[in-house]
Amino acid sequence: MTALYTVIRRPLITEKGLGVKETERTLVFDVAPDATKNEVKKAVEALFKVKVQAVRTANVAGKERRRGRYAGFRPDWKKAYVRLKEGEKLPEYVSNL
């Protein structure tokens, strides 16, 4: 994976994600399903100009969604928890909440 925005799709702005950001200095991102931890680390360091301590990833199974009698599944996706080193400033990608 070469381009930064193909590795990191978007930040996950949820209650849990913002709580982890404030208490554990950890950022949460939706990443490409085939992205490795090293690729996520390099992409975050290049985009936000911070030093990364650790990366944890989780594969999330898509949920079933129904529209009346028709059923389908949302796609599977991958999320990454990126912990920053001590002394690094947390980037503010959330401003209008």
Protein backbone atom coordinates (compact mmCIF):
# COMPACT_ATOMS: atom_id res chain seq x y z
CA MET A 1 0.00 0.00 0.00
CA THR A 2 1.54 3.27 -1.05
CA ALA A 3 -0.88 6.17 -0.62
CA LEU A 4 -1.58 7.32 2.93
CA TYR A 5 -5.31 7.75 2.41
CA THR A 6 -5.69 4.22 1.06
CA VAL A 7 -4.28 2.90 4.35
CA ILE A 8 -6.22 5.24 6.67
CA ARG A 9 -9.77 5.74 5.47
CA ARG A 10 -11.20 7.95 8.23
CA PRO A 11 -11.03 8.56 11.97
CA LEU A 12 -13.74 6.85 13.99
CA ILE A 13 -15.53 9.57 15.92
CA THR A 14 -17.58 7.71 18.50
CA GLU A 15 -18.08 8.04 22.24
CA LYS A 16 -15.73 5.15 22.88
CA GLY A 17 -13.15 6.47 20.42
CA LEU A 18 -13.11 9.94 21.96
CA GLY A 19 -12.95 8.48 25.48
CA VAL A 20 -9.94 6.35 24.56
CA LYS A 21 -8.33 9.36 22.92
CA GLU A 22 -8.53 11.43 26.09
CA THR A 23 -7.68 8.76 28.68
CA GLU A 24 -5.19 6.50 26.90
CA ARG A 25 -3.64 8.82 24.26
CA THR A 26 -4.97 6.48 21.57
CA LEU A 27 -6.47 7.37 18.18
CA VAL A 28 -9.00 5.11 16.44
CA PHE A 29 -9.14 4.81 12.64
CA ASP A 30 -11.04 2.87 9.99
CA VAL A 31 -8.24 1.32 7.91
CA ALA A 32 -8.00 -0.76 4.75
CA PRO A 33 -8.68 -4.48 5.36
CA ASP A 34 -5.28 -5.49 3.96
CA ALA A 35 -3.27 -2.81 5.81
CA THR A 36 -0.58 -4.05 8.18
CA LYS A 37 0.35 -2.53 11.54
CA ASN A 38 3.59 -1.12 10.11
CA GLU A 39 1.73 0.56 7.25
CA VAL A 40 -0.78 2.10 9.68
CA LYS A 41 2.07 3.34 11.89
CA LYS A 42 3.92 4.96 8.98
CA ALA A 43 0.72 6.55 7.63
CA VAL A 44 -0.25 8.09 11.00
CA GLU A 45 3.27 9.39 11.57
CA ALA A 46 3.33 10.97 8.10
CA LEU A 47 -0.18 12.48 8.23
CA PHE A 48 -0.20 13.89 11.77
CA LYS A 49 3.57 14.32 12.31
CA VAL A 50 3.60 12.44 15.62
CA LYS A 51 5.51 9.43 16.98
CA VAL A 52 3.55 6.18 17.40
CA GLN A 53 4.22 3.83 20.31
CA ALA A 54 1.97 0.88 19.37
CA VAL A 55 -0.76 -0.18 16.93
CA ARG A 56 -3.53 -2.68 17.64
CA THR A 57 -5.92 -3.81 14.92
CA ALA A 58 -9.31 -5.52 14.96
CA ASN A 59 -11.29 -7.07 12.13
CA VAL A 60 -14.98 -6.22 12.48
CA ALA A 61 -17.60 -8.45 10.89
CA GLY A 62 -20.37 -6.73 8.94
CA LYS A 63 -23.83 -6.72 10.49
CA GLU A 64 -27.01 -7.99 8.90
CA ARG A 65 -29.33 -5.22 7.75
CA ARG A 66 -32.95 -5.68 6.76
CA ARG A 67 -35.25 -3.61 4.59
CA GLY A 68 -38.64 -5.21 5.04
CA ARG A 69 -38.39 -8.80 3.90
CA TYR A 70 -35.05 -8.27 2.14
CA ALA A 71 -31.87 -8.94 4.08
CA GLY A 72 -28.25 -8.19 3.35
CA PHE A 73 -24.95 -7.69 5.11
CA ARG A 74 -22.78 -4.63 5.56
CA PRO A 75 -19.19 -5.21 4.47
CA ASP A 76 -16.50 -6.41 6.86
CA TRP A 77 -13.99 -3.74 7.89
CA LYS A 78 -10.88 -3.21 9.97
CA LYS A 79 -10.13 -0.68 12.69
CA ALA A 80 -6.84 0.33 14.27
CA TYR A 81 -6.08 1.67 17.73
CA VAL A 82 -2.94 3.84 17.49
CA ARG A 83 -1.23 4.75 20.79
CA LEU A 84 1.02 7.82 20.71
CA LYS A 85 4.28 8.16 22.61
CA GLU A 86 4.42 10.24 25.78
CA GLY A 87 4.86 13.94 25.14
CA GLU A 88 3.24 13.85 21.70
CA LYS A 89 0.43 16.32 21.06
CA LEU A 90 -2.90 14.71 20.12
CA PRO A 91 -4.15 15.89 16.72
CA GLU A 92 -7.53 17.61 16.71
CA TYR A 93 -9.51 16.07 13.88
CA VAL A 94 -12.76 16.70 15.75
CA SER A 95 -13.70 20.33 16.08
CA ASN A 96 -17.48 20.67 15.67
CA LEU A 97 -18.94 18.28 18.24
